[in-house]
Amino acid sequence: GKTVTITFFNGDVKQIMPDQTVIYYYADAK
């Protein structure tokens, strides 16, 4: 219930980890 991964239509990926770390990958810019 704490780990969230959102894969956007443009290829970007946002991950929210249990410790509230947010990792956002911009696909176009790599």
PDB file of all heavy atoms in Angstrom:
ATOM      1  N   GLY A   1       0.805  -1.217   0.000  1.00  0.00           N
ATOM      2  CA  GLY A   1       0.000   0.000   0.000  1.00  0.00           C
ATOM      3  C   GLY A   1       0.837   1.265   0.000  1.00  0.00           C
ATOM      4  O   GLY A   1       0.305   2.368  -0.036  1.00  0.00           O
ATOM      5  N   LYS A   2       2.161   1.137   0.046  1.00  0.00           N
ATOM      6  CA  LYS A   2       3.045   2.299   0.147  1.00  0.00           C
ATOM      7  C   LYS A   2       3.906   2.500  -1.100  1.00  0.00           C
ATOM      8  O   LYS A   2       4.387   3.598  -1.341  1.00  0.00           O
ATOM      9  CB  LYS A   2       3.975   2.153   1.354  1.00  0.00           C
ATOM     10  CG  LYS A   2       3.234   2.153   2.689  1.00  0.00           C
ATOM     11  CD  LYS A   2       4.203   1.937   3.825  1.00  0.00           C
ATOM     12  CE  LYS A   2       3.467   1.924   5.160  1.00  0.00           C
ATOM     13  NZ  LYS A   2       4.370   1.635   6.268  1.00  0.00           N
ATOM     14  N   THR A   3       4.122   1.434  -1.852  1.00  0.00           N
ATOM     15  CA  THR A   3       4.938   1.527  -3.055  1.00  0.00           C
ATOM     16  C   THR A   3       4.006   1.765  -4.238  1.00  0.00           C
ATOM     17  O   THR A   3       3.126   0.949  -4.501  1.00  0.00           O
ATOM     18  CB  THR A   3       5.753   0.241  -3.274  1.00  0.00           C
ATOM     19  OG1 THR A   3       6.513  -0.020  -2.089  1.00  0.00           O
ATOM     20  CG2 THR A   3       6.680   0.372  -4.464  1.00  0.00           C
ATOM     21  N   VAL A   4       4.223   2.914  -4.922  1.00  0.00           N
ATOM     22  CA  VAL A   4       3.355   3.272  -6.042  1.00  0.00           C
ATOM     23  C   VAL A   4       4.231   3.517  -7.266  1.00  0.00           C
ATOM     24  O   VAL A   4       5.243   4.208  -7.194  1.00  0.00           O
ATOM     25  CB  VAL A   4       2.535   4.548  -5.726  1.00  0.00           C
ATOM     26  CG1 VAL A   4       1.671   4.954  -6.908  1.00  0.00           C
ATOM     27  CG2 VAL A   4       1.693   4.356  -4.472  1.00  0.00           C
ATOM     28  N   THR A   5       3.827   2.932  -8.390  1.00  0.00           N
ATOM     29  CA  THR A   5       4.513   3.162  -9.658  1.00  0.00           C
ATOM     30  C   THR A   5       3.477   3.631 -10.670  1.00  0.00           C
ATOM     31  O   THR A   5       2.473   2.947 -10.884  1.00  0.00           O
ATOM     32  CB  THR A   5       5.204   1.888 -10.171  1.00  0.00           C
ATOM     33  OG1 THR A   5       6.123   1.431  -9.171  1.00  0.00           O
ATOM     34  CG2 THR A   5       5.959   2.144 -11.462  1.00  0.00           C
ATOM     35  N   ILE A   6       3.743   4.784 -11.261  1.00  0.00           N
ATOM     36  CA  ILE A   6       2.848   5.304 -12.285  1.00  0.00           C
ATOM     37  C   ILE A   6       3.631   5.351 -13.586  1.00  0.00           C
ATOM     38  O   ILE A   6       4.685   5.984 -13.668  1.00  0.00           O
ATOM     39  CB  ILE A   6       2.342   6.722 -11.928  1.00  0.00           C
ATOM     40  CG1 ILE A   6       1.632   6.701 -10.566  1.00  0.00           C
ATOM     41  CG2 ILE A   6       1.407   7.243 -13.023  1.00  0.00           C
ATOM     42  CD1 ILE A   6       1.378   8.073  -9.983  1.00  0.00           C
ATOM     43  N   THR A   7       3.138   4.663 -14.594  1.00  0.00           N
ATOM     44  CA  THR A   7       3.743   4.683 -15.919  1.00  0.00           C
ATOM     45  C   THR A   7       2.831   5.526 -16.801  1.00  0.00           C
ATOM     46  O   THR A   7       1.681   5.157 -17.036  1.00  0.00           O
ATOM     47  CB  THR A   7       3.887   3.263 -16.487  1.00  0.00           C
ATOM     48  OG1 THR A   7       4.623   2.473 -15.536  1.00  0.00           O
ATOM     49  CG2 THR A   7       4.631   3.266 -17.811  1.00  0.00           C
ATOM     50  N   PHE A   8       3.356   6.670 -17.223  1.00  0.00           N
ATOM     51  CA  PHE A   8       2.557   7.605 -18.003  1.00  0.00           C
ATOM     52  C   PHE A   8       2.535   7.228 -19.477  1.00  0.00           C
ATOM     53  O   PHE A   8       3.423   6.524 -19.964  1.00  0.00           O
ATOM     54  CB  PHE A   8       3.091   9.032 -17.823  1.00  0.00           C
ATOM     55  CG  PHE A   8       2.953   9.533 -16.413  1.00  0.00           C
ATOM     56  CD1 PHE A   8       4.009   9.411 -15.517  1.00  0.00           C
ATOM     57  CD2 PHE A   8       1.773  10.107 -15.973  1.00  0.00           C
ATOM     58  CE1 PHE A   8       3.884   9.871 -14.209  1.00  0.00           C
ATOM     59  CE2 PHE A   8       1.649  10.571 -14.662  1.00  0.00           C
ATOM     60  CZ  PHE A   8       2.705  10.445 -13.781  1.00  0.00           C
ATOM     61  N   PHE A   9       1.550   7.729 -20.183  1.00  0.00           N
ATOM     62  CA  PHE A   9       1.364   7.437 -21.601  1.00  0.00           C
ATOM     63  C   PHE A   9       2.570   7.849 -22.445  1.00  0.00           C
ATOM     64  O   PHE A   9       2.821   7.278 -23.486  1.00  0.00           O
ATOM     65  CB  PHE A   9       0.093   8.114 -22.126  1.00  0.00           C
ATOM     66  CG  PHE A   9       0.130   9.606 -22.049  1.00  0.00           C
ATOM     67  CD1 PHE A   9       0.606  10.359 -23.119  1.00  0.00           C
ATOM     68  CD2 PHE A   9      -0.284  10.275 -20.912  1.00  0.00           C
ATOM     69  CE1 PHE A   9       0.653  11.741 -23.046  1.00  0.00           C
ATOM     70  CE2 PHE A   9      -0.241  11.652 -20.834  1.00  0.00           C
ATOM     71  CZ  PHE A   9       0.234  12.388 -21.908  1.00  0.00           C
ATOM     72  N   ASN A  10       3.348   8.848 -21.988  1.00  0.00           N
ATOM     73  CA  ASN A  10       4.511   9.323 -22.756  1.00  0.00           C
ATOM     74  C   ASN A  10       5.794   8.555 -22.431  1.00  0.00           C
ATOM     75  O   ASN A  10       6.855   8.897 -22.915  1.00  0.00           O
ATOM     76  CB  ASN A  10       4.714  10.819 -22.520  1.00  0.00           C
ATOM     77  CG  ASN A  10       5.073  11.157 -21.083  1.00  0.00           C
ATOM     78  OD1 ASN A  10       5.116  10.295 -20.210  1.00  0.00           O
ATOM     79  ND2 ASN A  10       5.335  12.432 -20.828  1.00  0.00           N
ATOM     80  N   GLY A  11       5.694   7.543 -21.559  1.00  0.00           N
ATOM     81  CA  GLY A  11       6.866   6.745 -21.206  1.00  0.00           C
ATOM     82  C   GLY A  11       7.517   7.151 -19.898  1.00  0.00           C
ATOM     83  O   GLY A  11       8.376   6.439 -19.380  1.00  0.00           O
ATOM     84  N   ASP A  12       7.141   8.307 -19.342  1.00  0.00           N
ATOM     85  CA  ASP A  12       7.671   8.718 -18.040  1.00  0.00           C
ATOM     86  C   ASP A  12       7.204   7.734 -16.978  1.00  0.00           C
ATOM     87  O   ASP A  12       6.124   7.159 -17.093  1.00  0.00           O
ATOM     88  CB  ASP A  12       7.172  10.116 -17.657  1.00  0.00           C
ATOM     89  CG  ASP A  12       7.812  11.235 -18.479  1.00  0.00           C
ATOM     90  OD1 ASP A  12       8.581  10.941 -19.408  1.00  0.00           O
ATOM     91  OD2 ASP A  12       7.512  12.410 -18.173  1.00  0.00           O
ATOM     92  N   VAL A  13       8.040   7.549 -15.942  1.00  0.00           N
ATOM     93  CA  VAL A  13       7.684   6.646 -14.851  1.00  0.00           C
ATOM     94  C   VAL A  13       7.947   7.357 -13.527  1.00  0.00           C
ATOM     95  O   VAL A  13       9.023   7.914 -13.314  1.00  0.00           O
ATOM     96  CB  VAL A  13       8.509   5.334 -14.901  1.00  0.00           C
ATOM     97  CG1 VAL A  13       8.156   4.424 -13.735  1.00  0.00           C
ATOM     98  CG2 VAL A  13       8.303   4.617 -16.230  1.00  0.00           C
ATOM     99  N   LYS A  14       6.949   7.342 -12.647  1.00  0.00           N
ATOM    100  CA  LYS A  14       7.089   7.930 -11.312  1.00  0.00           C
ATOM    101  C   LYS A  14       6.911   6.816 -10.299  1.00  0.00           C
ATOM    102  O   LYS A  14       5.913   6.101 -10.334  1.00  0.00           O
ATOM    103  CB  LYS A  14       6.025   9.011 -11.096  1.00  0.00           C
ATOM    104  CG  LYS A  14       6.088   9.670  -9.724  1.00  0.00           C
ATOM    105  CD  LYS A  14       5.009  10.744  -9.594  1.00  0.00           C
ATOM    106  CE  LYS A  14       5.071  11.452  -8.267  1.00  0.00           C
ATOM    107  NZ  LYS A  14       4.039  12.508  -8.170  1.00  0.00           N
ATOM    108  N   GLN A  15       7.898   6.687  -9.403  1.00  0.00           N
ATOM    109  CA  GLN A  15       7.824   5.685  -8.337  1.00  0.00           C
ATOM    110  C   GLN A  15       7.842   6.412  -6.999  1.00  0.00           C
ATOM    111  O   GLN A  15       8.650   7.310  -6.787  1.00  0.00           O
ATOM    112  CB  GLN A  15       9.021   4.734  -8.394  1.00  0.00           C
ATOM    113  CG  GLN A  15       9.031   3.838  -9.612  1.00  0.00           C
ATOM    114  CD  GLN A  15      10.258   2.949  -9.579  1.00  0.00           C
ATOM    115  OE1 GLN A  15      11.358   3.416  -9.845  1.00  0.00           O
ATOM    116  NE2 GLN A  15      10.067   1.697  -9.237  1.00  0.00           N
ATOM    117  N   ILE A  16       6.940   6.003  -6.119  1.00  0.00           N
ATOM    118  CA  ILE A  16       6.932   6.506  -4.753  1.00  0.00           C
ATOM    119  C   ILE A  16       7.233   5.314  -3.861  1.00  0.00           C
ATOM    120  O   ILE A  16       6.515   4.313  -3.894  1.00  0.00           O
ATOM    121  CB  ILE A  16       5.570   7.147  -4.394  1.00  0.00           C
ATOM    122  CG1 ILE A  16       5.255   8.268  -5.387  1.00  0.00           C
ATOM    123  CG2 ILE A  16       5.595   7.676  -2.960  1.00  0.00           C
ATOM    124  CD1 ILE A  16       3.833   8.781  -5.321  1.00  0.00           C
ATOM    125  N   MET A  17       8.314   5.420  -3.109  1.00  0.00           N
ATOM    126  CA  MET A  17       8.770   4.313  -2.279  1.00  0.00           C
ATOM    127  C   MET A  17       8.163   4.401  -0.878  1.00  0.00           C
ATOM    128  O   MET A  17       7.673   5.457  -0.474  1.00  0.00           O
ATOM    129  CB  MET A  17      10.306   4.335  -2.202  1.00  0.00           C
ATOM    130  CG  MET A  17      10.996   4.414  -3.561  1.00  0.00           C
ATOM    131  SD  MET A  17      10.457   3.177  -4.756  1.00  0.00           S
ATOM    132  CE  MET A  17      11.411   1.811  -4.207  1.00  0.00           C
ATOM    133  N   PRO A  18       8.219   3.330  -0.113  1.00  0.00           N
ATOM    134  CA  PRO A  18       7.652   3.345   1.243  1.00  0.00           C
ATOM    135  C   PRO A  18       8.214   4.452   2.139  1.00  0.00           C
ATOM    136  O   PRO A  18       7.501   4.968   2.996  1.00  0.00           O
ATOM    137  CB  PRO A  18       7.999   1.964   1.796  1.00  0.00           C
ATOM    138  CG  PRO A  18       8.161   1.109   0.587  1.00  0.00           C
ATOM    139  CD  PRO A  18       8.716   2.003  -0.479  1.00  0.00           C
ATOM    140  N   ASP A  19       9.484   4.845   1.931  1.00  0.00           N
ATOM    141  CA  ASP A  19      10.086   5.900   2.763  1.00  0.00           C
ATOM    142  C   ASP A  19       9.786   7.305   2.214  1.00  0.00           C
ATOM    143  O   ASP A  19      10.387   8.272   2.632  1.00  0.00           O
ATOM    144  CB  ASP A  19      11.594   5.690   2.896  1.00  0.00           C
ATOM    145  CG  ASP A  19      12.334   5.863   1.575  1.00  0.00           C
ATOM    146  OD1 ASP A  19      11.697   6.099   0.525  1.00  0.00           O
ATOM    147  OD2 ASP A  19      13.582   5.764   1.596  1.00  0.00           O
ATOM    148  N   GLN A  20       8.877   7.388   1.237  1.00  0.00           N
ATOM    149  CA  GLN A  20       8.453   8.627   0.574  1.00  0.00           C
ATOM    150  C   GLN A  20       9.475   9.185  -0.415  1.00  0.00           C
ATOM    151  O   GLN A  20       9.333  10.311  -0.894  1.00  0.00           O
ATOM    152  CB  GLN A  20       8.028   9.709   1.585  1.00  0.00           C
ATOM    153  CG  GLN A  20       6.804   9.324   2.398  1.00  0.00           C
ATOM    154  CD  GLN A  20       5.618   8.949   1.504  1.00  0.00           C
ATOM    155  OE1 GLN A  20       5.167   9.733   0.700  1.00  0.00           O
ATOM    156  NE2 GLN A  20       5.130   7.724   1.629  1.00  0.00           N
ATOM    157  N   THR A  21      10.507   8.408  -0.734  1.00  0.00           N
ATOM    158  CA  THR A  21      11.413   8.794  -1.811  1.00  0.00           C
ATOM    159  C   THR A  21      10.630   8.749  -3.112  1.00  0.00           C
ATOM    160  O   THR A  21       9.886   7.798  -3.354  1.00  0.00           O
ATOM    161  CB  THR A  21      12.617   7.827  -1.876  1.00  0.00           C
ATOM    162  OG1 THR A  21      13.370   7.950  -0.671  1.00  0.00           O
ATOM    163  CG2 THR A  21      13.521   8.124  -3.063  1.00  0.00           C
ATOM    164  N   VAL A  22      10.788   9.775  -3.938  1.00  0.00           N
ATOM    165  CA  VAL A  22      10.101   9.831  -5.230  1.00  0.00           C
ATOM    166  C   VAL A  22      11.157   9.765  -6.332  1.00  0.00           C
ATOM    167  O   VAL A  22      12.095  10.564  -6.356  1.00  0.00           O
ATOM    168  CB  VAL A  22       9.261  11.119  -5.370  1.00  0.00           C
ATOM    169  CG1 VAL A  22       8.611  11.191  -6.750  1.00  0.00           C
ATOM    170  CG2 VAL A  22       8.207  11.197  -4.272  1.00  0.00           C
ATOM    171  N   ILE A  23      11.006   8.804  -7.229  1.00  0.00           N
ATOM    172  CA  ILE A  23      11.924   8.635  -8.357  1.00  0.00           C
ATOM    173  C   ILE A  23      11.112   8.887  -9.624  1.00  0.00           C
ATOM    174  O   ILE A  23      10.130   8.188  -9.884  1.00  0.00           O
ATOM    175  CB  ILE A  23      12.528   7.217  -8.392  1.00  0.00           C
ATOM    176  CG1 ILE A  23      13.231   6.916  -7.065  1.00  0.00           C
ATOM    177  CG2 ILE A  23      13.487   7.068  -9.571  1.00  0.00           C
ATOM    178  CD1 ILE A  23      13.549   5.436  -6.867  1.00  0.00           C
ATOM    179  N   TYR A  24      11.509   9.906 -10.380  1.00  0.00           N
ATOM    180  CA  TYR A  24      10.792  10.243 -11.604  1.00  0.00           C
ATOM    181  C   TYR A  24      11.750  10.093 -12.772  1.00  0.00           C
ATOM    182  O   TYR A  24      12.819  10.701 -12.792  1.00  0.00           O
ATOM    183  CB  TYR A  24      10.242  11.671 -11.551  1.00  0.00           C
ATOM    184  CG  TYR A  24       9.164  11.923 -12.593  1.00  0.00           C
ATOM    185  CD1 TYR A  24       7.831  11.989 -12.236  1.00  0.00           C
ATOM    186  CD2 TYR A  24       9.491  12.062 -13.933  1.00  0.00           C
ATOM    187  CE1 TYR A  24       6.837  12.202 -13.186  1.00  0.00           C
ATOM    188  CE2 TYR A  24       8.516  12.267 -14.890  1.00  0.00           C
ATOM    189  CZ  TYR A  24       7.188  12.343 -14.518  1.00  0.00           C
ATOM    190  OH  TYR A  24       6.211  12.532 -15.464  1.00  0.00           O
ATOM    191  N   TYR A  25      11.363   9.272 -13.742  1.00  0.00           N
ATOM    192  CA  TYR A  25      12.178   9.058 -14.938  1.00  0.00           C
ATOM    193  C   TYR A  25      11.508   9.768 -16.103  1.00  0.00           C
ATOM    194  O   TYR A  25      10.342   9.495 -16.422  1.00  0.00           O
ATOM    195  CB  TYR A  25      12.326   7.568 -15.237  1.00  0.00           C
ATOM    196  CG  TYR A  25      13.068   7.301 -16.529  1.00  0.00           C
ATOM    197  CD1 TYR A  25      14.445   7.485 -16.602  1.00  0.00           C
ATOM    198  CD2 TYR A  25      12.398   6.876 -17.669  1.00  0.00           C
ATOM    199  CE1 TYR A  25      15.126   7.263 -17.785  1.00  0.00           C
ATOM    200  CE2 TYR A  25      13.072   6.643 -18.851  1.00  0.00           C
ATOM    201  CZ  TYR A  25      14.441   6.843 -18.907  1.00  0.00           C
ATOM    202  OH  TYR A  25      15.113   6.621 -20.078  1.00  0.00           O
ATOM    203  N   TYR A  26      12.224  10.719 -16.707  1.00  0.00           N
ATOM    204  CA  TYR A  26      11.744  11.426 -17.892  1.00  0.00           C
ATOM    205  C   TYR A  26      12.226  10.657 -19.117  1.00  0.00           C
ATOM    206  O   TYR A  26      13.422  10.639 -19.417  1.00  0.00           O
ATOM    207  CB  TYR A  26      12.281  12.859 -17.923  1.00  0.00           C
ATOM    208  CG  TYR A  26      11.818  13.705 -16.765  1.00  0.00           C
ATOM    209  CD1 TYR A  26      12.557  13.778 -15.584  1.00  0.00           C
ATOM    210  CD2 TYR A  26      10.637  14.435 -16.848  1.00  0.00           C
ATOM    211  CE1 TYR A  26      12.128  14.560 -14.524  1.00  0.00           C
ATOM    212  CE2 TYR A  26      10.202  15.225 -15.787  1.00  0.00           C
ATOM    213  CZ  TYR A  26      10.952  15.281 -14.629  1.00  0.00           C
ATOM    214  OH  TYR A  26      10.528  16.049 -13.579  1.00  0.00           O
ATOM    215  N   ALA A  27      11.298  10.029 -19.812  1.00  0.00           N
ATOM    216  CA  ALA A  27      11.657   9.148 -20.927  1.00  0.00           C
ATOM    217  C   ALA A  27      12.321   9.903 -22.070  1.00  0.00           C
ATOM    218  O   ALA A  27      13.358   9.463 -22.579  1.00  0.00           O
ATOM    219  CB  ALA A  27      10.421   8.404 -21.424  1.00  0.00           C
ATOM    220  N   ASP A  28      11.749  11.020 -22.498  1.00  0.00           N
ATOM    221  CA  ASP A  28      12.320  11.756 -23.633  1.00  0.00           C
ATOM    222  C   ASP A  28      13.739  12.206 -23.361  1.00  0.00           C
ATOM    223  O   ASP A  28      14.611  12.093 -24.207  1.00  0.00           O
ATOM    224  CB  ASP A  28      11.452  12.976 -23.981  1.00  0.00           C
ATOM    225  CG  ASP A  28      10.213  12.588 -24.784  1.00  0.00           C
ATOM    226  OD1 ASP A  28      10.119  11.431 -25.235  1.00  0.00           O
ATOM    227  OD2 ASP A  28       9.336  13.470 -24.953  1.00  0.00           O
ATOM    228  N   ALA A  29      13.990  12.742 -22.161  1.00  0.00           N
ATOM    229  CA  ALA A  29      15.316  13.263 -21.805  1.00  0.00           C
ATOM    230  C   ALA A  29      16.243  12.179 -21.257  1.00  0.00           C
ATOM    231  O   ALA A  29      17.422  12.432 -21.036  1.00  0.00           O
ATOM    232  CB  ALA A  29      15.179  14.377 -20.780  1.00  0.00           C
ATOM    233  N   LYS A  30      15.691  10.976 -21.009  1.00  0.00           N
ATOM    234  CA  LYS A  30      16.471   9.884 -20.404  1.00  0.00           C
ATOM    235  C   LYS A  30      17.146  10.368 -19.116  1.00  0.00           C
ATOM    236  O   LYS A  30      18.329  10.148 -18.898  1.00  0.00           O
ATOM    237  CB  LYS A  30      17.481   9.309 -21.383  1.00  0.00           C
ATOM    238  CG  LYS A  30      16.848   8.645 -22.594  1.00  0.00           C
ATOM    239  CD  LYS A  30      17.906   8.085 -23.521  1.00  0.00           C
ATOM    240  CE  LYS A  30      17.325   7.355 -24.691  1.00  0.00           C
ATOM    241  NZ  LYS A  30      16.653   8.184 -25.670  1.00  0.00           N
TER     242      LYS A  30
END
